[in-house]
């Protein structure tokens, strides 16, 4: 069975009649997806109505939960898959993928 069609065990089921949008993103932050970028990602993800999942290998977590994101232990160079379902899914996918792929925006709070 193809991993793209394998059902995933997420806390909320996708909206009936909609297909998830997916995009692969490589973590570029030199420290990986640590506390600060995970917090920024989850905070931004919570602004969308869409259901947001972040997947590493076969482990998928709620993209709106900072603690769940930290469980992925995504170091620099790790490929993550964003999976988004909902009314604003396309916009969420674009903005969140950019957030993960841009190492300069993840630690702006240090300034």
PDB file of N, CA and C in Angstrom:
ATOM      1  N   UNK A   1       0.851  -1.187   0.000  1.00  0.00           N
ATOM      2  CA  UNK A   1       0.000   0.000   0.000  1.00  0.00           C
ATOM      3  C   UNK A   1       0.888   1.240   0.000  1.00  0.00           C
ATOM      4  N   UNK A   2       0.611   2.182  -0.854  1.00  0.00           N
ATOM      5  CA  UNK A   2       1.361   3.429  -0.978  1.00  0.00           C
ATOM      6  C   UNK A   2       1.184   4.272   0.276  1.00  0.00           C
ATOM      7  N   UNK A   3       2.283   4.895   0.749  1.00  0.00           N
ATOM      8  CA  UNK A   3       2.198   5.692   1.977  1.00  0.00           C
ATOM      9  C   UNK A   3       1.301   6.904   1.811  1.00  0.00           C
ATOM     10  N   UNK A   4       1.112   7.366   0.556  1.00  0.00           N
ATOM     11  CA  UNK A   4       0.226   8.512   0.328  1.00  0.00           C
ATOM     12  C   UNK A   4      -1.238   8.139   0.558  1.00  0.00           C
ATOM     13  N   UNK A   5      -1.570   6.849   0.426  1.00  0.00           N
ATOM     14  CA  UNK A   5      -2.960   6.439   0.607  1.00  0.00           C
ATOM     15  C   UNK A   5      -3.190   5.732   1.930  1.00  0.00           C
ATOM     16  N   UNK A   6      -2.146   5.521   2.701  1.00  0.00           N
ATOM     17  CA  UNK A   6      -2.280   4.862   3.998  1.00  0.00           C
ATOM     18  C   UNK A   6      -3.013   5.785   4.962  1.00  0.00           C
ATOM     19  N   UNK A   7      -4.093   5.301   5.579  1.00  0.00           N
ATOM     20  CA  UNK A   7      -4.807   6.153   6.541  1.00  0.00           C
ATOM     21  C   UNK A   7      -3.901   6.513   7.710  1.00  0.00           C
ATOM     22  N   UNK A   8      -4.029   7.717   8.180  1.00  0.00           N
ATOM     23  CA  UNK A   8      -3.235   8.183   9.312  1.00  0.00           C
ATOM     24  C   UNK A   8      -4.160   8.327  10.518  1.00  0.00           C
ATOM     25  N   UNK A   9      -3.606   8.112  11.702  1.00  0.00           N
ATOM     26  CA  UNK A   9      -4.379   8.207  12.928  1.00  0.00           C
ATOM     27  C   UNK A   9      -4.229   9.609  13.512  1.00  0.00           C
ATOM     28  N   UNK A  10      -5.084  10.529  13.090  1.00  0.00           N
ATOM     29  CA  UNK A  10      -5.076  11.889  13.607  1.00  0.00           C
ATOM     30  C   UNK A  10      -6.301  12.060  14.485  1.00  0.00           C
ATOM     31  N   UNK A  11      -6.224  13.031  15.384  1.00  0.00           N
ATOM     32  CA  UNK A  11      -7.303  13.228  16.342  1.00  0.00           C
ATOM     33  C   UNK A  11      -8.607  13.675  15.687  1.00  0.00           C
ATOM     34  N   UNK A  12      -8.527  14.406  14.589  1.00  0.00           N
ATOM     35  CA  UNK A  12      -9.740  14.864  13.910  1.00  0.00           C
ATOM     36  C   UNK A  12      -9.729  14.351  12.482  1.00  0.00           C
ATOM     37  N   UNK A  13     -10.849  13.859  12.025  1.00  0.00           N
ATOM     38  CA  UNK A  13     -10.943  13.348  10.663  1.00  0.00           C
ATOM     39  C   UNK A  13     -11.027  14.506   9.678  1.00  0.00           C
ATOM     40  N   UNK A  14     -10.519  14.303   8.440  1.00  0.00           N
ATOM     41  CA  UNK A  14     -10.633  15.346   7.434  1.00  0.00           C
ATOM     42  C   UNK A  14     -12.089  15.684   7.144  1.00  0.00           C
ATOM     43  N   UNK A  15     -12.303  16.874   6.640  1.00  0.00           N
ATOM     44  CA  UNK A  15     -13.643  17.308   6.276  1.00  0.00           C
ATOM     45  C   UNK A  15     -14.138  16.419   5.138  1.00  0.00           C
ATOM     46  N   UNK A  16     -15.332  15.822   5.262  1.00  0.00           N
ATOM     47  CA  UNK A  16     -15.845  14.954   4.211  1.00  0.00           C
ATOM     48  C   UNK A  16     -15.898  15.682   2.865  1.00  0.00           C
ATOM     49  N   UNK A  17     -15.468  14.973   1.812  1.00  0.00           N
ATOM     50  CA  UNK A  17     -15.547  15.536   0.472  1.00  0.00           C
ATOM     51  C   UNK A  17     -14.368  16.422   0.099  1.00  0.00           C
ATOM     52  N   UNK A  18     -13.366  16.535   0.953  1.00  0.00           N
ATOM     53  CA  UNK A  18     -12.200  17.346   0.621  1.00  0.00           C
ATOM     54  C   UNK A  18     -10.951  16.482   0.666  1.00  0.00           C
ATOM     55  N   UNK A  19     -10.001  16.823  -0.171  1.00  0.00           N
ATOM     56  CA  UNK A  19      -8.735  16.120  -0.188  1.00  0.00           C
ATOM     57  C   UNK A  19      -7.678  17.002   0.458  1.00  0.00           C
ATOM     58  N   UNK A  20      -6.757  16.416   1.194  1.00  0.00           N
ATOM     59  CA  UNK A  20      -5.710  17.225   1.810  1.00  0.00           C
ATOM     60  C   UNK A  20      -4.731  17.752   0.767  1.00  0.00           C
ATOM     61  N   UNK A  21      -4.229  18.946   1.011  1.00  0.00           N
ATOM     62  CA  UNK A  21      -3.148  19.503   0.210  1.00  0.00           C
ATOM     63  C   UNK A  21      -1.861  19.149   0.932  1.00  0.00           C
ATOM     64  N   UNK A  22      -0.821  18.789   0.168  1.00  0.00           N
ATOM     65  CA  UNK A  22       0.446  18.379   0.782  1.00  0.00           C
ATOM     66  C   UNK A  22       1.608  19.115   0.139  1.00  0.00           C
ATOM     67  N   UNK A  23       2.613  19.375   0.945  1.00  0.00           N
ATOM     68  CA  UNK A  23       3.858  19.956   0.442  1.00  0.00           C
ATOM     69  C   UNK A  23       5.006  19.477   1.311  1.00  0.00           C
ATOM     70  N   UNK A  24       6.094  19.062   0.664  1.00  0.00           N
ATOM     71  CA  UNK A  24       7.312  18.679   1.374  1.00  0.00           C
ATOM     72  C   UNK A  24       8.155  19.920   1.609  1.00  0.00           C
ATOM     73  N   UNK A  25       8.728  20.009   2.797  1.00  0.00           N
ATOM     74  CA  UNK A  25       9.572  21.146   3.167  1.00  0.00           C
ATOM     75  C   UNK A  25      10.778  20.600   3.927  1.00  0.00           C
ATOM     76  N   UNK A  26      11.954  21.143   3.621  1.00  0.00           N
ATOM     77  CA  UNK A  26      13.165  20.770   4.338  1.00  0.00           C
ATOM     78  C   UNK A  26      13.430  21.824   5.413  1.00  0.00           C
ATOM     79  N   UNK A  27      13.667  21.378   6.640  1.00  0.00           N
ATOM     80  CA  UNK A  27      13.967  22.291   7.751  1.00  0.00           C
ATOM     81  C   UNK A  27      15.337  22.911   7.487  1.00  0.00           C
ATOM     82  N   UNK A  28      15.388  24.238   7.412  1.00  0.00           N
ATOM     83  CA  UNK A  28      16.635  24.927   7.089  1.00  0.00           C
ATOM     84  C   UNK A  28      17.242  25.662   8.276  1.00  0.00           C
ATOM     85  N   UNK A  29      16.503  25.798   9.360  1.00  0.00           N
ATOM     86  CA  UNK A  29      17.058  26.468  10.531  1.00  0.00           C
ATOM     87  C   UNK A  29      18.273  25.680  11.016  1.00  0.00           C
ATOM     88  N   UNK A  30      19.415  26.341  11.237  1.00  0.00           N
ATOM     89  CA  UNK A  30      20.629  25.627  11.668  1.00  0.00           C
ATOM     90  C   UNK A  30      20.465  24.852  12.984  1.00  0.00           C
ATOM     91  N   UNK A  31      19.508  25.224  13.814  1.00  0.00           N
ATOM     92  CA  UNK A  31      19.247  24.505  15.064  1.00  0.00           C
ATOM     93  C   UNK A  31      18.073  23.538  14.931  1.00  0.00           C
ATOM     94  N   UNK A  32      17.489  23.439  13.757  1.00  0.00           N
ATOM     95  CA  UNK A  32      16.351  22.551  13.548  1.00  0.00           C
ATOM     96  C   UNK A  32      15.059  23.191  14.033  1.00  0.00           C
ATOM     97  N   UNK A  33      14.036  22.379  14.148  1.00  0.00           N
ATOM     98  CA  UNK A  33      12.721  22.858  14.597  1.00  0.00           C
ATOM     99  C   UNK A  33      12.702  22.809  16.124  1.00  0.00           C
ATOM    100  N   UNK A  34      13.412  23.741  16.741  1.00  0.00           N
ATOM    101  CA  UNK A  34      13.511  23.784  18.194  1.00  0.00           C
ATOM    102  C   UNK A  34      12.377  24.638  18.776  1.00  0.00           C
ATOM    103  N   UNK A  35      12.474  24.975  20.043  1.00  0.00           N
ATOM    104  CA  UNK A  35      11.373  25.614  20.778  1.00  0.00           C
ATOM    105  C   UNK A  35      10.830  26.875  20.099  1.00  0.00           C
ATOM    106  N   UNK A  36      11.682  27.806  19.751  1.00  0.00           N
ATOM    107  CA  UNK A  36      11.204  29.086  19.212  1.00  0.00           C
ATOM    108  C   UNK A  36      10.531  28.939  17.838  1.00  0.00           C
ATOM    109  N   UNK A  37      11.159  28.255  16.861  1.00  0.00           N
ATOM    110  CA  UNK A  37      10.465  28.114  15.582  1.00  0.00           C
ATOM    111  C   UNK A  37       9.214  27.234  15.676  1.00  0.00           C
ATOM    112  N   UNK A  38       9.225  26.244  16.562  1.00  0.00           N
ATOM    113  CA  UNK A  38       8.026  25.421  16.749  1.00  0.00           C
ATOM    114  C   UNK A  38       6.890  26.266  17.318  1.00  0.00           C
ATOM    115  N   UNK A  39       7.224  27.142  18.240  1.00  0.00           N
ATOM    116  CA  UNK A  39       6.227  28.039  18.816  1.00  0.00           C
ATOM    117  C   UNK A  39       5.669  28.990  17.762  1.00  0.00           C
ATOM    118  N   UNK A  40       6.559  29.568  16.943  1.00  0.00           N
ATOM    119  CA  UNK A  40       6.118  30.488  15.891  1.00  0.00           C
ATOM    120  C   UNK A  40       5.244  29.773  14.872  1.00  0.00           C
ATOM    121  N   UNK A  41       5.612  28.542  14.510  1.00  0.00           N
ATOM    122  CA  UNK A  41       4.830  27.764  13.549  1.00  0.00           C
ATOM    123  C   UNK A  41       3.451  27.472  14.105  1.00  0.00           C
ATOM    124  N   UNK A  42       3.390  26.953  15.335  1.00  0.00           N
ATOM    125  CA  UNK A  42       2.102  26.599  15.942  1.00  0.00           C
ATOM    126  C   UNK A  42       1.210  27.826  16.106  1.00  0.00           C
ATOM    127  N   UNK A  43       1.808  28.936  16.510  1.00  0.00           N
ATOM    128  CA  UNK A  43       1.032  30.173  16.678  1.00  0.00           C
ATOM    129  C   UNK A  43       0.425  30.607  15.355  1.00  0.00           C
ATOM    130  N   UNK A  44       1.231  30.564  14.284  1.00  0.00           N
ATOM    131  CA  UNK A  44       0.721  30.947  12.959  1.00  0.00           C
ATOM    132  C   UNK A  44      -0.319  29.936  12.479  1.00  0.00           C
ATOM    133  N   UNK A  45      -0.088  28.658  12.710  1.00  0.00           N
ATOM    134  CA  UNK A  45      -1.019  27.614  12.273  1.00  0.00           C
ATOM    135  C   UNK A  45      -2.385  27.775  12.927  1.00  0.00           C
ATOM    136  N   UNK A  46      -2.405  28.211  14.196  1.00  0.00           N
ATOM    137  CA  UNK A  46      -3.681  28.385  14.907  1.00  0.00           C
ATOM    138  C   UNK A  46      -4.517  29.530  14.340  1.00  0.00           C
ATOM    139  N   UNK A  47      -3.916  30.376  13.512  1.00  0.00           N
ATOM    140  CA  UNK A  47      -4.654  31.472  12.894  1.00  0.00           C
ATOM    141  C   UNK A  47      -5.499  31.007  11.708  1.00  0.00           C
ATOM    142  N   UNK A  48      -5.286  29.789  11.262  1.00  0.00           N
ATOM    143  CA  UNK A  48      -6.034  29.238  10.135  1.00  0.00           C
ATOM    144  C   UNK A  48      -7.147  28.322  10.625  1.00  0.00           C
ATOM    145  N   UNK A  49      -8.242  28.312   9.885  1.00  0.00           N
ATOM    146  CA  UNK A  49      -9.347  27.405  10.207  1.00  0.00           C
ATOM    147  C   UNK A  49      -9.022  25.978   9.783  1.00  0.00           C
ATOM    148  N   UNK A  50      -8.138  25.833   8.825  1.00  0.00           N
ATOM    149  CA  UNK A  50      -7.793  24.522   8.288  1.00  0.00           C
ATOM    150  C   UNK A  50      -7.172  23.621   9.352  1.00  0.00           C
ATOM    151  N   UNK A  51      -7.336  22.338   9.141  1.00  0.00           N
ATOM    152  CA  UNK A  51      -6.683  21.317   9.957  1.00  0.00           C
ATOM    153  C   UNK A  51      -5.263  21.164   9.409  1.00  0.00           C
ATOM    154  N   UNK A  52      -4.264  21.239  10.266  1.00  0.00           N
ATOM    155  CA  UNK A  52      -2.870  21.251   9.827  1.00  0.00           C
ATOM    156  C   UNK A  52      -2.113  20.121  10.509  1.00  0.00           C
ATOM    157  N   UNK A  53      -1.509  19.273   9.706  1.00  0.00           N
ATOM    158  CA  UNK A  53      -0.689  18.169  10.207  1.00  0.00           C
ATOM    159  C   UNK A  53       0.722  18.340   9.676  1.00  0.00           C
ATOM    160  N   UNK A  54       1.698  17.963  10.488  1.00  0.00           N
ATOM    161  CA  UNK A  54       3.094  17.958  10.070  1.00  0.00           C
ATOM    162  C   UNK A  54       3.573  16.520  10.232  1.00  0.00           C
ATOM    163  N   UNK A  55       4.162  15.982   9.174  1.00  0.00           N
ATOM    164  CA  UNK A  55       4.524  14.571   9.141  1.00  0.00           C
ATOM    165  C   UNK A  55       6.021  14.421   8.906  1.00  0.00           C
ATOM    166  N   UNK A  56       6.644  13.596   9.737  1.00  0.00           N
ATOM    167  CA  UNK A  56       8.038  13.195   9.535  1.00  0.00           C
ATOM    168  C   UNK A  56       8.051  11.679   9.451  1.00  0.00           C
ATOM    169  N   UNK A  57       8.503  11.167   8.324  1.00  0.00           N
ATOM    170  CA  UNK A  57       8.454   9.732   8.059  1.00  0.00           C
ATOM    171  C   UNK A  57       6.996   9.286   8.202  1.00  0.00           C
ATOM    172  N   UNK A  58       6.693   8.436   9.136  1.00  0.00           N
ATOM    173  CA  UNK A  58       5.312   7.978   9.340  1.00  0.00           C
ATOM    174  C   UNK A  58       4.661   8.598  10.568  1.00  0.00           C
ATOM    175  N   UNK A  59       5.339   9.524  11.234  1.00  0.00           N
ATOM    176  CA  UNK A  59       4.790  10.164  12.430  1.00  0.00           C
ATOM    177  C   UNK A  59       4.152  11.493  12.050  1.00  0.00           C
ATOM    178  N   UNK A  60       2.847  11.609  12.270  1.00  0.00           N
ATOM    179  CA  UNK A  60       2.133  12.842  11.990  1.00  0.00           C
ATOM    180  C   UNK A  60       1.639  13.476  13.279  1.00  0.00           C
ATOM    181  N   UNK A  61       1.787  14.813  13.355  1.00  0.00           N
ATOM    182  CA  UNK A  61       1.365  15.521  14.567  1.00  0.00           C
ATOM    183  C   UNK A  61       0.509  16.730  14.197  1.00  0.00           C
ATOM    184  N   UNK A  62      -0.192  17.240  15.179  1.00  0.00           N
ATOM    185  CA  UNK A  62      -1.019  18.431  15.033  1.00  0.00           C
ATOM    186  C   UNK A  62      -0.108  19.649  14.879  1.00  0.00           C
ATOM    187  N   UNK A  63      -0.198  20.325  13.740  1.00  0.00           N
ATOM    188  CA  UNK A  63       0.640  21.483  13.478  1.00  0.00           C
ATOM    189  C   UNK A  63       0.303  22.696  14.320  1.00  0.00           C
ATOM    190  N   UNK A  64      -0.800  22.640  15.042  1.00  0.00           N
ATOM    191  CA  UNK A  64      -1.198  23.758  15.893  1.00  0.00           C
ATOM    192  C   UNK A  64      -0.715  23.583  17.327  1.00  0.00           C
ATOM    193  N   UNK A  65       0.029  22.498  17.584  1.00  0.00           N
ATOM    194  CA  UNK A  65       0.533  22.190  18.923  1.00  0.00           C
ATOM    195  C   UNK A  65       2.057  22.261  18.944  1.00  0.00           C
ATOM    196  N   UNK A  66       2.592  23.199  19.688  1.00  0.00           N
ATOM    197  CA  UNK A  66       4.036  23.351  19.811  1.00  0.00           C
ATOM    198  C   UNK A  66       4.681  22.084  20.356  1.00  0.00           C
ATOM    199  N   UNK A  67       4.087  21.489  21.363  1.00  0.00           N
ATOM    200  CA  UNK A  67       4.652  20.275  21.960  1.00  0.00           C
ATOM    201  C   UNK A  67       4.656  19.114  20.973  1.00  0.00           C
ATOM    202  N   UNK A  68       3.587  18.981  20.196  1.00  0.00           N
ATOM    203  CA  UNK A  68       3.543  17.925  19.186  1.00  0.00           C
ATOM    204  C   UNK A  68       4.659  18.129  18.163  1.00  0.00           C
ATOM    205  N   UNK A  69       4.862  19.378  17.737  1.00  0.00           N
ATOM    206  CA  UNK A  69       5.910  19.670  16.757  1.00  0.00           C
ATOM    207  C   UNK A  69       7.294  19.310  17.296  1.00  0.00           C
ATOM    208  N   UNK A  70       7.536  19.584  18.562  1.00  0.00           N
ATOM    209  CA  UNK A  70       8.829  19.262  19.170  1.00  0.00           C
ATOM    210  C   UNK A  70       9.074  17.752  19.206  1.00  0.00           C
ATOM    211  N   UNK A  71       7.999  16.956  19.297  1.00  0.00           N
ATOM    212  CA  UNK A  71       8.136  15.497  19.315  1.00  0.00           C
ATOM    213  C   UNK A  71       8.712  14.961  18.003  1.00  0.00           C
ATOM    214  N   UNK A  72       8.642  15.749  16.929  1.00  0.00           N
ATOM    215  CA  UNK A  72       9.183  15.300  15.647  1.00  0.00           C
ATOM    216  C   UNK A  72      10.717  15.294  15.650  1.00  0.00           C
ATOM    217  N   UNK A  73      11.334  16.032  16.573  1.00  0.00           N
ATOM    218  CA  UNK A  73      12.799  16.118  16.661  1.00  0.00           C
ATOM    219  C   UNK A  73      13.406  16.375  15.286  1.00  0.00           C
ATOM    220  N   UNK A  74      12.906  17.408  14.613  1.00  0.00           N
ATOM    221  CA  UNK A  74      13.322  17.717  13.248  1.00  0.00           C
ATOM    222  C   UNK A  74      14.569  18.591  13.242  1.00  0.00           C
ATOM    223  N   UNK A  75      15.700  17.961  13.007  1.00  0.00           N
ATOM    224  CA  UNK A  75      16.957  18.683  12.936  1.00  0.00           C
ATOM    225  C   UNK A  75      17.145  19.275  11.540  1.00  0.00           C
ATOM    226  N   UNK A  76      18.170  20.115  11.354  1.00  0.00           N
ATOM    227  CA  UNK A  76      18.388  20.724  10.034  1.00  0.00           C
ATOM    228  C   UNK A  76      18.515  19.659   8.949  1.00  0.00           C
ATOM    229  N   UNK A  77      17.885  19.922   7.814  1.00  0.00           N
ATOM    230  CA  UNK A  77      17.944  19.004   6.688  1.00  0.00           C
ATOM    231  C   UNK A  77      16.858  17.952   6.663  1.00  0.00           C
ATOM    232  N   UNK A  78      16.077  17.841   7.726  1.00  0.00           N
ATOM    233  CA  UNK A  78      14.993  16.854   7.774  1.00  0.00           C
ATOM    234  C   UNK A  78      13.850  17.307   6.873  1.00  0.00           C
ATOM    235  N   UNK A  79      13.302  16.359   6.139  1.00  0.00           N
ATOM    236  CA  UNK A  79      12.149  16.654   5.290  1.00  0.00           C
ATOM    237  C   UNK A  79      10.862  16.405   6.070  1.00  0.00           C
ATOM    238  N   UNK A  80      10.010  17.418   6.106  1.00  0.00           N
ATOM    239  CA  UNK A  80       8.691  17.314   6.726  1.00  0.00           C
ATOM    240  C   UNK A  80       7.648  17.471   5.630  1.00  0.00           C
ATOM    241  N   UNK A  81       6.499  16.863   5.840  1.00  0.00           N
ATOM    242  CA  UNK A  81       5.380  17.029   4.914  1.00  0.00           C
ATOM    243  C   UNK A  81       4.275  17.759   5.658  1.00  0.00           C
ATOM    244  N   UNK A  82       3.832  18.861   5.072  1.00  0.00           N
ATOM    245  CA  UNK A  82       2.678  19.586   5.606  1.00  0.00           C
ATOM    246  C   UNK A  82       1.444  19.039   4.911  1.00  0.00           C
ATOM    247  N   UNK A  83       0.422  18.724   5.686  1.00  0.00           N
ATOM    248  CA  UNK A  83      -0.833  18.218   5.152  1.00  0.00           C
ATOM    249  C   UNK A  83      -1.945  19.088   5.715  1.00  0.00           C
ATOM    250  N   UNK A  84      -2.692  19.740   4.826  1.00  0.00           N
ATOM    251  CA  UNK A  84      -3.656  20.751   5.250  1.00  0.00           C
ATOM    252  C   UNK A  84      -5.006  20.480   4.592  1.00  0.00           C
ATOM    253  N   UNK A  85      -6.084  20.567   5.394  1.00  0.00           N
ATOM    254  CA  UNK A  85      -7.440  20.372   4.903  1.00  0.00           C
ATOM    255  C   UNK A  85      -8.328  21.467   5.486  1.00  0.00           C
ATOM    256  N   UNK A  86      -9.113  22.111   4.631  1.00  0.00           N
ATOM    257  CA  UNK A  86     -10.053  23.109   5.132  1.00  0.00           C
ATOM    258  C   UNK A  86     -10.222  24.270   4.175  1.00  0.00           C
ATOM    259  N   UNK A  87     -11.075  25.197   4.583  1.00  0.00           N
ATOM    260  CA  UNK A  87     -11.450  26.323   3.731  1.00  0.00           C
ATOM    261  C   UNK A  87     -10.256  27.173   3.321  1.00  0.00           C
ATOM    262  N   UNK A  88      -9.314  27.429   4.204  1.00  0.00           N
ATOM    263  CA  UNK A  88      -8.167  28.277   3.895  1.00  0.00           C
ATOM    264  C   UNK A  88      -6.875  27.456   3.761  1.00  0.00           C
ATOM    265  N   UNK A  89      -7.027  26.206   3.333  1.00  0.00           N
ATOM    266  CA  UNK A  89      -5.905  25.276   3.265  1.00  0.00           C
ATOM    267  C   UNK A  89      -4.796  25.747   2.331  1.00  0.00           C
ATOM    268  N   UNK A  90      -5.152  26.261   1.172  1.00  0.00           N
ATOM    269  CA  UNK A  90      -4.128  26.661   0.203  1.00  0.00           C
ATOM    270  C   UNK A  90      -3.247  27.779   0.766  1.00  0.00           C
ATOM    271  N   UNK A  91      -3.871  28.777   1.345  1.00  0.00           N
ATOM    272  CA  UNK A  91      -3.113  29.886   1.928  1.00  0.00           C
ATOM    273  C   UNK A  91      -2.274  29.401   3.116  1.00  0.00           C
ATOM    274  N   UNK A  92      -2.853  28.548   3.946  1.00  0.00           N
ATOM    275  CA  UNK A  92      -2.126  28.013   5.101  1.00  0.00           C
ATOM    276  C   UNK A  92      -0.906  27.222   4.649  1.00  0.00           C
ATOM    277  N   UNK A  93      -1.071  26.395   3.631  1.00  0.00           N
ATOM    278  CA  UNK A  93       0.026  25.583   3.136  1.00  0.00           C
ATOM    279  C   UNK A  93       1.177  26.452   2.637  1.00  0.00           C
ATOM    280  N   UNK A  94       0.861  27.475   1.871  1.00  0.00           N
ATOM    281  CA  UNK A  94       1.884  28.370   1.333  1.00  0.00           C
ATOM    282  C   UNK A  94       2.626  29.087   2.456  1.00  0.00           C
ATOM    283  N   UNK A  95       1.884  29.703   3.364  1.00  0.00           N
ATOM    284  CA  UNK A  95       2.513  30.503   4.423  1.00  0.00           C
ATOM    285  C   UNK A  95       3.309  29.651   5.406  1.00  0.00           C
ATOM    286  N   UNK A  96       2.786  28.492   5.772  1.00  0.00           N
ATOM    287  CA  UNK A  96       3.489  27.648   6.736  1.00  0.00           C
ATOM    288  C   UNK A  96       4.719  26.986   6.127  1.00  0.00           C
ATOM    289  N   UNK A  97       4.641  26.621   4.856  1.00  0.00           N
ATOM    290  CA  UNK A  97       5.813  26.059   4.174  1.00  0.00           C
ATOM    291  C   UNK A  97       6.921  27.098   4.096  1.00  0.00           C
ATOM    292  N   UNK A  98       6.563  28.335   3.798  1.00  0.00           N
ATOM    293  CA  UNK A  98       7.554  29.411   3.754  1.00  0.00           C
ATOM    294  C   UNK A  98       8.186  29.628   5.131  1.00  0.00           C
ATOM    295  N   UNK A  99       7.387  29.536   6.168  1.00  0.00           N
ATOM    296  CA  UNK A  99       7.896  29.721   7.525  1.00  0.00           C
ATOM    297  C   UNK A  99       8.944  28.654   7.873  1.00  0.00           C
ATOM    298  N   UNK A 100       8.680  27.405   7.504  1.00  0.00           N
ATOM    299  CA  UNK A 100       9.639  26.328   7.787  1.00  0.00           C
ATOM    300  C   UNK A 100      10.893  26.432   6.924  1.00  0.00           C
ATOM    301  N   UNK A 101      10.724  26.861   5.677  1.00  0.00           N
ATOM    302  CA  UNK A 101      11.840  26.865   4.732  1.00  0.00           C
ATOM    303  C   UNK A 101      12.755  28.074   4.858  1.00  0.00           C
ATOM    304  N   UNK A 102      12.347  29.124   5.569  1.00  0.00           N
ATOM    305  CA  UNK A 102      13.142  30.334   5.678  1.00  0.00           C
ATOM    306  C   UNK A 102      13.806  30.407   7.044  1.00  0.00           C
ATOM    307  N   UNK A 103      15.118  30.113   7.114  1.00  0.00           N
ATOM    308  CA  UNK A 103      15.789  30.104   8.409  1.00  0.00           C
ATOM    309  C   UNK A 103      15.871  31.485   9.046  1.00  0.00           C
ATOM    310  N   UNK A 104      15.797  32.535   8.259  1.00  0.00           N
ATOM    311  CA  UNK A 104      15.925  33.900   8.792  1.00  0.00           C
ATOM    312  C   UNK A 104      14.730  34.368   9.576  1.00  0.00           C
ATOM    313  N   UNK A 105      13.541  33.826   9.318  1.00  0.00           N
ATOM    314  CA  UNK A 105      12.341  34.296  10.002  1.00  0.00           C
ATOM    315  C   UNK A 105      12.062  33.543  11.291  1.00  0.00           C
ATOM    316  N   UNK A 106      12.716  32.434  11.513  1.00  0.00           N
ATOM    317  CA  UNK A 106      12.369  31.599  12.648  1.00  0.00           C
ATOM    318  C   UNK A 106      12.915  32.106  13.974  1.00  0.00           C
ATOM    319  N   UNK A 107      13.951  32.919  13.942  1.00  0.00           N
ATOM    320  CA  UNK A 107      14.534  33.403  15.190  1.00  0.00           C
ATOM    321  C   UNK A 107      14.508  34.925  15.281  1.00  0.00           C
ATOM    322  N   UNK A 108      13.568  35.571  14.579  1.00  0.00           N
ATOM    323  CA  UNK A 108      13.486  37.015  14.586  1.00  0.00           C
ATOM    324  C   UNK A 108      13.195  37.586  15.974  1.00  0.00           C
ATOM    325  N   UNK A 109      12.655  36.795  16.886  1.00  0.00           N
ATOM    326  CA  UNK A 109      12.334  37.277  18.220  1.00  0.00           C
ATOM    327  C   UNK A 109      13.589  37.620  19.030  1.00  0.00           C
ATOM    328  N   UNK A 110      14.771  37.201  18.558  1.00  0.00           N
ATOM    329  CA  UNK A 110      16.014  37.491  19.259  1.00  0.00           C
ATOM    330  C   UNK A 110      16.405  38.953  19.153  1.00  0.00           C
ATOM    331  N   UNK A 111      15.889  39.648  18.144  1.00  0.00           N
ATOM    332  CA  UNK A 111      16.273  41.045  17.895  1.00  0.00           C
ATOM    333  C   UNK A 111      15.738  41.965  18.955  1.00  0.00           C
TER     334      UNK A 111
END
